[in-house]
Structures are given as structure tokens and as C-alpha cells.
Amino acid sequence: DFPGPDGRFLTVGVPDGPVQIILWSHAAGAG
């Protein structure tokens, strides 16, 4: 969780799992 040049970079993941999920701020319904 840190501010980046393009916005807040926030990730979550399964404990001890290698893959992280980026919770990226974007308009509703994107993706």
C-alpha cells in the first residue's frame, strides 16, 4: 500500500501465496 506516480498501488493476496491482486482505482464497471 503506497502512493505511486499513477495512483495508489494497493495489493492483497492469499496468505503465503505468490500472486497479488491489485485493487486499482478506476471507473465503475471497468473489466
PDB file of all heavy atoms in Angstrom:
ATOM      1  N   ASP A   1       0.858  -1.187   0.000  1.00  0.00           N
ATOM      2  CA  ASP A   1       0.000   0.000   0.000  1.00  0.00           C
ATOM      3  C   ASP A   1       0.890   1.232   0.000  1.00  0.00           C
ATOM      4  O   ASP A   1       1.422   1.625   1.026  1.00  0.00           O
ATOM      5  CB  ASP A   1      -0.918  -0.011   1.227  1.00  0.00           C
ATOM      6  CG  ASP A   1      -1.966   1.102   1.198  1.00  0.00           C
ATOM      7  OD1 ASP A   1      -1.955   1.920   0.256  1.00  0.00           O
ATOM      8  OD2 ASP A   1      -2.786   1.138   2.133  1.00  0.00           O
ATOM      9  N   PHE A   2       1.099   1.808  -1.185  1.00  0.00           N
ATOM     10  CA  PHE A   2       1.874   3.041  -1.246  1.00  0.00           C
ATOM     11  C   PHE A   2       1.421   3.892  -2.421  1.00  0.00           C
ATOM     12  O   PHE A   2       0.918   3.375  -3.409  1.00  0.00           O
ATOM     13  CB  PHE A   2       3.385   2.773  -1.310  1.00  0.00           C
ATOM     14  CG  PHE A   2       3.857   2.071  -2.542  1.00  0.00           C
ATOM     15  CD1 PHE A   2       4.133   2.769  -3.719  1.00  0.00           C
ATOM     16  CD2 PHE A   2       4.069   0.700  -2.524  1.00  0.00           C
ATOM     17  CE1 PHE A   2       4.586   2.111  -4.856  1.00  0.00           C
ATOM     18  CE2 PHE A   2       4.518   0.036  -3.656  1.00  0.00           C
ATOM     19  CZ  PHE A   2       4.781   0.736  -4.817  1.00  0.00           C
ATOM     20  N   PRO A   3       1.583   5.227  -2.267  1.00  0.00           N
ATOM     21  CA  PRO A   3       1.211   6.117  -3.366  1.00  0.00           C
ATOM     22  C   PRO A   3       2.247   6.007  -4.486  1.00  0.00           C
ATOM     23  O   PRO A   3       3.439   5.964  -4.237  1.00  0.00           O
ATOM     24  CB  PRO A   3       1.224   7.510  -2.735  1.00  0.00           C
ATOM     25  CG  PRO A   3       2.139   7.390  -1.564  1.00  0.00           C
ATOM     26  CD  PRO A   3       2.066   5.957  -1.105  1.00  0.00           C
ATOM     27  N   GLY A   4       1.761   5.906  -5.704  1.00  0.00           N
ATOM     28  CA  GLY A   4       2.651   5.837  -6.853  1.00  0.00           C
ATOM     29  C   GLY A   4       2.395   7.001  -7.777  1.00  0.00           C
ATOM     30  O   GLY A   4       1.463   7.783  -7.571  1.00  0.00           O
ATOM     31  N   PRO A   5       3.189   7.131  -8.804  1.00  0.00           N
ATOM     32  CA  PRO A   5       3.027   8.249  -9.728  1.00  0.00           C
ATOM     33  C   PRO A   5       1.695   8.214 -10.482  1.00  0.00           C
ATOM     34  O   PRO A   5       1.196   9.247 -10.909  1.00  0.00           O
ATOM     35  CB  PRO A   5       4.208   8.110 -10.688  1.00  0.00           C
ATOM     36  CG  PRO A   5       4.658   6.696 -10.560  1.00  0.00           C
ATOM     37  CD  PRO A   5       4.297   6.249  -9.170  1.00  0.00           C
ATOM     38  N   ASP A   6       1.105   7.027 -10.630  1.00  0.00           N
ATOM     39  CA  ASP A   6      -0.162   6.890 -11.350  1.00  0.00           C
ATOM     40  C   ASP A   6      -1.339   6.636 -10.421  1.00  0.00           C
ATOM     41  O   ASP A   6      -2.428   6.303 -10.873  1.00  0.00           O
ATOM     42  CB  ASP A   6      -0.069   5.740 -12.363  1.00  0.00           C
ATOM     43  CG  ASP A   6       0.995   6.010 -13.412  1.00  0.00           C
ATOM     44  OD1 ASP A   6       1.085   7.156 -13.881  1.00  0.00           O
ATOM     45  OD2 ASP A   6       1.739   5.069 -13.735  1.00  0.00           O
ATOM     46  N   GLY A   7      -1.119   6.734  -9.112  1.00  0.00           N
ATOM     47  CA  GLY A   7      -2.171   6.485  -8.138  1.00  0.00           C
ATOM     48  C   GLY A   7      -1.706   5.513  -7.069  1.00  0.00           C
ATOM     49  O   GLY A   7      -0.590   5.001  -7.108  1.00  0.00           O
ATOM     50  N   ARG A   8      -2.562   5.261  -6.127  1.00  0.00           N
ATOM     51  CA  ARG A   8      -2.260   4.364  -5.011  1.00  0.00           C
ATOM     52  C   ARG A   8      -2.097   2.926  -5.510  1.00  0.00           C
ATOM     53  O   ARG A   8      -2.966   2.393  -6.186  1.00  0.00           O
ATOM     54  CB  ARG A   8      -3.400   4.448  -4.007  1.00  0.00           C
ATOM     55  CG  ARG A   8      -3.244   3.581  -2.778  1.00  0.00           C
ATOM     56  CD  ARG A   8      -4.459   3.768  -1.898  1.00  0.00           C
ATOM     57  NE  ARG A   8      -4.415   2.929  -0.704  1.00  0.00           N
ATOM     58  CZ  ARG A   8      -5.457   2.760   0.098  1.00  0.00           C
ATOM     59  NH1 ARG A   8      -6.614   3.351  -0.159  1.00  0.00           N
ATOM     60  NH2 ARG A   8      -5.347   2.002   1.170  1.00  0.00           N
ATOM     61  N   PHE A   9      -0.977   2.306  -5.163  1.00  0.00           N
ATOM     62  CA  PHE A   9      -0.708   0.922  -5.519  1.00  0.00           C
ATOM     63  C   PHE A   9      -1.035   0.077  -4.296  1.00  0.00           C
ATOM     64  O   PHE A   9      -0.318   0.100  -3.301  1.00  0.00           O
ATOM     65  CB  PHE A   9       0.755   0.744  -5.938  1.00  0.00           C
ATOM     66  CG  PHE A   9       1.032  -0.602  -6.548  1.00  0.00           C
ATOM     67  CD1 PHE A   9       0.689  -0.857  -7.863  1.00  0.00           C
ATOM     68  CD2 PHE A   9       1.637  -1.600  -5.804  1.00  0.00           C
ATOM     69  CE1 PHE A   9       0.945  -2.097  -8.438  1.00  0.00           C
ATOM     70  CE2 PHE A   9       1.897  -2.841  -6.367  1.00  0.00           C
ATOM     71  CZ  PHE A   9       1.553  -3.086  -7.689  1.00  0.00           C
ATOM     72  N   LEU A  10      -2.156  -0.660  -4.371  1.00  0.00           N
ATOM     73  CA  LEU A  10      -2.693  -1.406  -3.240  1.00  0.00           C
ATOM     74  C   LEU A  10      -2.894  -2.851  -3.659  1.00  0.00           C
ATOM     75  O   LEU A  10      -3.557  -3.114  -4.664  1.00  0.00           O
ATOM     76  CB  LEU A  10      -4.029  -0.785  -2.817  1.00  0.00           C
ATOM     77  CG  LEU A  10      -4.828  -1.472  -1.718  1.00  0.00           C
ATOM     78  CD1 LEU A  10      -4.068  -1.469  -0.399  1.00  0.00           C
ATOM     79  CD2 LEU A  10      -6.181  -0.778  -1.552  1.00  0.00           C
ATOM     80  N   THR A  11      -2.295  -3.783  -2.904  1.00  0.00           N
ATOM     81  CA  THR A  11      -2.458  -5.190  -3.246  1.00  0.00           C
ATOM     82  C   THR A  11      -2.884  -6.010  -2.029  1.00  0.00           C
ATOM     83  O   THR A  11      -2.606  -5.649  -0.892  1.00  0.00           O
ATOM     84  CB  THR A  11      -1.166  -5.828  -3.818  1.00  0.00           C
ATOM     85  OG1 THR A  11      -0.202  -6.007  -2.781  1.00  0.00           O
ATOM     86  CG2 THR A  11      -0.587  -4.998  -4.946  1.00  0.00           C
ATOM     87  N   VAL A  12      -3.558  -7.114  -2.323  1.00  0.00           N
ATOM     88  CA  VAL A  12      -3.939  -8.124  -1.336  1.00  0.00           C
ATOM     89  C   VAL A  12      -3.565  -9.480  -1.912  1.00  0.00           C
ATOM     90  O   VAL A  12      -3.323  -9.613  -3.115  1.00  0.00           O
ATOM     91  CB  VAL A  12      -5.449  -8.084  -1.004  1.00  0.00           C
ATOM     92  CG1 VAL A  12      -5.838  -6.763  -0.349  1.00  0.00           C
ATOM     93  CG2 VAL A  12      -6.292  -8.323  -2.248  1.00  0.00           C
ATOM     94  N   GLY A  13      -3.531 -10.494  -1.045  1.00  0.00           N
ATOM     95  CA  GLY A  13      -3.233 -11.829  -1.530  1.00  0.00           C
ATOM     96  C   GLY A  13      -3.609 -12.876  -0.508  1.00  0.00           C
ATOM     97  O   GLY A  13      -3.886 -12.566   0.654  1.00  0.00           O
ATOM     98  N   VAL A  14      -3.594 -14.109  -0.958  1.00  0.00           N
ATOM     99  CA  VAL A  14      -3.804 -15.246  -0.073  1.00  0.00           C
ATOM    100  C   VAL A  14      -2.566 -15.343   0.817  1.00  0.00           C
ATOM    101  O   VAL A  14      -1.445 -15.241   0.313  1.00  0.00           O
ATOM    102  CB  VAL A  14      -3.983 -16.549  -0.897  1.00  0.00           C
ATOM    103  CG1 VAL A  14      -4.036 -17.765  -0.005  1.00  0.00           C
ATOM    104  CG2 VAL A  14      -5.226 -16.451  -1.764  1.00  0.00           C
ATOM    105  N   PRO A  15      -2.731 -15.530   2.128  1.00  0.00           N
ATOM    106  CA  PRO A  15      -1.551 -15.659   2.991  1.00  0.00           C
ATOM    107  C   PRO A  15      -0.577 -16.710   2.448  1.00  0.00           C
ATOM    108  O   PRO A  15      -0.975 -17.809   2.070  1.00  0.00           O
ATOM    109  CB  PRO A  15      -2.139 -16.087   4.340  1.00  0.00           C
ATOM    110  CG  PRO A  15      -3.517 -15.500   4.339  1.00  0.00           C
ATOM    111  CD  PRO A  15      -3.980 -15.615   2.904  1.00  0.00           C
ATOM    112  N   ASP A  16       0.680 -16.322   2.348  1.00  0.00           N
ATOM    113  CA  ASP A  16       1.771 -17.170   1.839  1.00  0.00           C
ATOM    114  C   ASP A  16       1.637 -17.528   0.362  1.00  0.00           C
ATOM    115  O   ASP A  16       2.395 -18.358  -0.134  1.00  0.00           O
ATOM    116  CB  ASP A  16       1.905 -18.462   2.666  1.00  0.00           C
ATOM    117  CG  ASP A  16       2.231 -18.189   4.126  1.00  0.00           C
ATOM    118  OD1 ASP A  16       3.021 -17.261   4.391  1.00  0.00           O
ATOM    119  OD2 ASP A  16       1.671 -18.883   4.983  1.00  0.00           O
ATOM    120  N   GLY A  17       0.687 -16.935  -0.358  1.00  0.00           N
ATOM    121  CA  GLY A  17       0.544 -17.189  -1.796  1.00  0.00           C
ATOM    122  C   GLY A  17       1.417 -16.242  -2.600  1.00  0.00           C
ATOM    123  O   GLY A  17       1.679 -15.114  -2.193  1.00  0.00           O
ATOM    124  N   PRO A  18       1.880 -16.662  -3.795  1.00  0.00           N
ATOM    125  CA  PRO A  18       2.776 -15.831  -4.590  1.00  0.00           C
ATOM    126  C   PRO A  18       2.077 -14.722  -5.384  1.00  0.00           C
ATOM    127  O   PRO A  18       2.693 -13.710  -5.688  1.00  0.00           O
ATOM    128  CB  PRO A  18       3.433 -16.829  -5.542  1.00  0.00           C
ATOM    129  CG  PRO A  18       2.406 -17.900  -5.710  1.00  0.00           C
ATOM    130  CD  PRO A  18       1.697 -17.992  -4.376  1.00  0.00           C
ATOM    131  N   VAL A  19       0.806 -14.886  -5.738  1.00  0.00           N
ATOM    132  CA  VAL A  19       0.112 -13.932  -6.596  1.00  0.00           C
ATOM    133  C   VAL A  19      -0.541 -12.837  -5.742  1.00  0.00           C
ATOM    134  O   VAL A  19      -1.141 -13.130  -4.715  1.00  0.00           O
ATOM    135  CB  VAL A  19      -0.951 -14.632  -7.461  1.00  0.00           C
ATOM    136  CG1 VAL A  19      -1.709 -13.632  -8.315  1.00  0.00           C
ATOM    137  CG2 VAL A  19      -0.303 -15.699  -8.330  1.00  0.00           C
ATOM    138  N   GLN A  20      -0.418 -11.602  -6.197  1.00  0.00           N
ATOM    139  CA  GLN A  20      -1.056 -10.485  -5.518  1.00  0.00           C
ATOM    140  C   GLN A  20      -2.128  -9.884  -6.421  1.00  0.00           C
ATOM    141  O   GLN A  20      -1.969  -9.839  -7.639  1.00  0.00           O
ATOM    142  CB  GLN A  20      -0.030  -9.414  -5.144  1.00  0.00           C
ATOM    143  CG  GLN A  20       0.983  -9.922  -4.132  1.00  0.00           C
ATOM    144  CD  GLN A  20       1.973  -8.849  -3.754  1.00  0.00           C
ATOM    145  OE1 GLN A  20       1.572  -7.796  -3.293  1.00  0.00           O
ATOM    146  NE2 GLN A  20       3.260  -9.124  -3.955  1.00  0.00           N
ATOM    147  N   ILE A  21      -3.209  -9.428  -5.802  1.00  0.00           N
ATOM    148  CA  ILE A  21      -4.313  -8.802  -6.519  1.00  0.00           C
ATOM    149  C   ILE A  21      -4.186  -7.301  -6.330  1.00  0.00           C
ATOM    150  O   ILE A  21      -4.185  -6.810  -5.196  1.00  0.00           O
ATOM    151  CB  ILE A  21      -5.664  -9.288  -5.969  1.00  0.00           C
ATOM    152  CG1 ILE A  21      -5.764 -10.810  -6.084  1.00  0.00           C
ATOM    153  CG2 ILE A  21      -6.819  -8.586  -6.680  1.00  0.00           C
ATOM    154  CD1 ILE A  21      -6.820 -11.414  -5.179  1.00  0.00           C
ATOM    155  N   ILE A  22      -4.068  -6.580  -7.441  1.00  0.00           N
ATOM    156  CA  ILE A  22      -4.011  -5.122  -7.388  1.00  0.00           C
ATOM    157  C   ILE A  22      -5.445  -4.607  -7.334  1.00  0.00           C
ATOM    158  O   ILE A  22      -6.258  -4.933  -8.198  1.00  0.00           O
ATOM    159  CB  ILE A  22      -3.302  -4.523  -8.616  1.00  0.00           C
ATOM    160  CG1 ILE A  22      -1.870  -5.056  -8.730  1.00  0.00           C
ATOM    161  CG2 ILE A  22      -3.330  -2.996  -8.560  1.00  0.00           C
ATOM    162  CD1 ILE A  22      -1.187  -4.700 -10.043  1.00  0.00           C
ATOM    163  N   LEU A  23      -5.765  -3.815  -6.317  1.00  0.00           N
ATOM    164  CA  LEU A  23      -7.067  -3.146  -6.229  1.00  0.00           C
ATOM    165  C   LEU A  23      -6.861  -1.749  -6.807  1.00  0.00           C
ATOM    166  O   LEU A  23      -6.431  -0.832  -6.118  1.00  0.00           O
ATOM    167  CB  LEU A  23      -7.537  -3.101  -4.769  1.00  0.00           C
ATOM    168  CG  LEU A  23      -7.663  -4.466  -4.087  1.00  0.00           C
ATOM    169  CD1 LEU A  23      -8.058  -4.298  -2.626  1.00  0.00           C
ATOM    170  CD2 LEU A  23      -8.651  -5.361  -4.819  1.00  0.00           C
ATOM    171  N   TRP A  24      -7.134  -1.616  -8.100  1.00  0.00           N
ATOM    172  CA  TRP A  24      -6.800  -0.402  -8.836  1.00  0.00           C
ATOM    173  C   TRP A  24      -8.016   0.498  -8.973  1.00  0.00           C
ATOM    174  O   TRP A  24      -9.066   0.062  -9.429  1.00  0.00           O
ATOM    175  CB  TRP A  24      -6.263  -0.757 -10.219  1.00  0.00           C
ATOM    176  CG  TRP A  24      -5.667   0.422 -10.910  1.00  0.00           C
ATOM    177  CD1 TRP A  24      -6.215   1.124 -11.935  1.00  0.00           C
ATOM    178  CD2 TRP A  24      -4.431   1.052 -10.605  1.00  0.00           C
ATOM    179  NE1 TRP A  24      -5.391   2.148 -12.308  1.00  0.00           N
ATOM    180  CE2 TRP A  24      -4.279   2.135 -11.490  1.00  0.00           C
ATOM    181  CE3 TRP A  24      -3.434   0.816  -9.659  1.00  0.00           C
ATOM    182  CZ2 TRP A  24      -3.167   2.970 -11.466  1.00  0.00           C
ATOM    183  CZ3 TRP A  24      -2.323   1.646  -9.634  1.00  0.00           C
ATOM    184  CH2 TRP A  24      -2.203   2.707 -10.534  1.00  0.00           C
ATOM    185  N   SER A  25      -7.838   1.755  -8.613  1.00  0.00           N
ATOM    186  CA  SER A  25      -8.921   2.726  -8.698  1.00  0.00           C
ATOM    187  C   SER A  25      -9.243   3.021 -10.160  1.00  0.00           C
ATOM    188  O   SER A  25      -8.359   3.368 -10.947  1.00  0.00           O
ATOM    189  CB  SER A  25      -8.513   4.013  -7.977  1.00  0.00           C
ATOM    190  OG  SER A  25      -9.578   4.917  -7.978  1.00  0.00           O
ATOM    191  N   HIS A  26     -10.535   2.848 -10.496  1.00  0.00           N
ATOM    192  CA  HIS A  26     -10.964   3.024 -11.881  1.00  0.00           C
ATOM    193  C   HIS A  26     -12.462   3.264 -11.893  1.00  0.00           C
ATOM    194  O   HIS A  26     -13.152   2.983 -10.924  1.00  0.00           O
ATOM    195  CB  HIS A  26     -10.624   1.766 -12.685  1.00  0.00           C
ATOM    196  CG  HIS A  26     -10.527   1.997 -14.161  1.00  0.00           C
ATOM    197  ND1 HIS A  26     -11.630   2.155 -14.962  1.00  0.00           N
ATOM    198  CD2 HIS A  26      -9.462   2.094 -14.961  1.00  0.00           C
ATOM    199  CE1 HIS A  26     -11.236   2.336 -16.217  1.00  0.00           C
ATOM    200  NE2 HIS A  26      -9.929   2.303 -16.234  1.00  0.00           N
ATOM    201  N   ALA A  27     -12.967   3.706 -13.008  1.00  0.00           N
ATOM    202  CA  ALA A  27     -14.399   3.965 -13.156  1.00  0.00           C
ATOM    203  C   ALA A  27     -15.210   2.692 -12.910  1.00  0.00           C
ATOM    204  O   ALA A  27     -14.741   1.588 -13.165  1.00  0.00           O
ATOM    205  CB  ALA A  27     -14.697   4.506 -14.548  1.00  0.00           C
ATOM    206  N   ALA A  28     -16.412   2.847 -12.437  1.00  0.00           N
ATOM    207  CA  ALA A  28     -17.309   1.716 -12.160  1.00  0.00           C
ATOM    208  C   ALA A  28     -17.488   0.854 -13.398  1.00  0.00           C
ATOM    209  O   ALA A  28     -17.625   1.360 -14.508  1.00  0.00           O
ATOM    210  CB  ALA A  28     -18.661   2.229 -11.674  1.00  0.00           C
ATOM    211  N   GLY A  29     -17.475  -0.462 -13.189  1.00  0.00           N
ATOM    212  CA  GLY A  29     -17.757  -1.414 -14.256  1.00  0.00           C
ATOM    213  C   GLY A  29     -16.586  -1.768 -15.148  1.00  0.00           C
ATOM    214  O   GLY A  29     -16.712  -2.616 -16.007  1.00  0.00           O
ATOM    215  N   ALA A  30     -15.419  -1.155 -14.948  1.00  0.00           N
ATOM    216  CA  ALA A  30     -14.266  -1.465 -15.790  1.00  0.00           C
ATOM    217  C   ALA A  30     -13.825  -2.899 -15.562  1.00  0.00           C
ATOM    218  O   ALA A  30     -13.646  -3.330 -14.438  1.00  0.00           O
ATOM    219  CB  ALA A  30     -13.121  -0.508 -15.487  1.00  0.00           C
ATOM    220  N   GLY A  31     -13.676  -3.656 -16.619  1.00  0.00           N
ATOM    221  CA  GLY A  31     -13.186  -5.020 -16.512  1.00  0.00           C
ATOM    222  C   GLY A  31     -14.185  -6.013 -15.954  1.00  0.00           C
ATOM    223  O   GLY A  31     -13.836  -7.139 -15.678  1.00  0.00           O
TER     224      GLY A  31
END
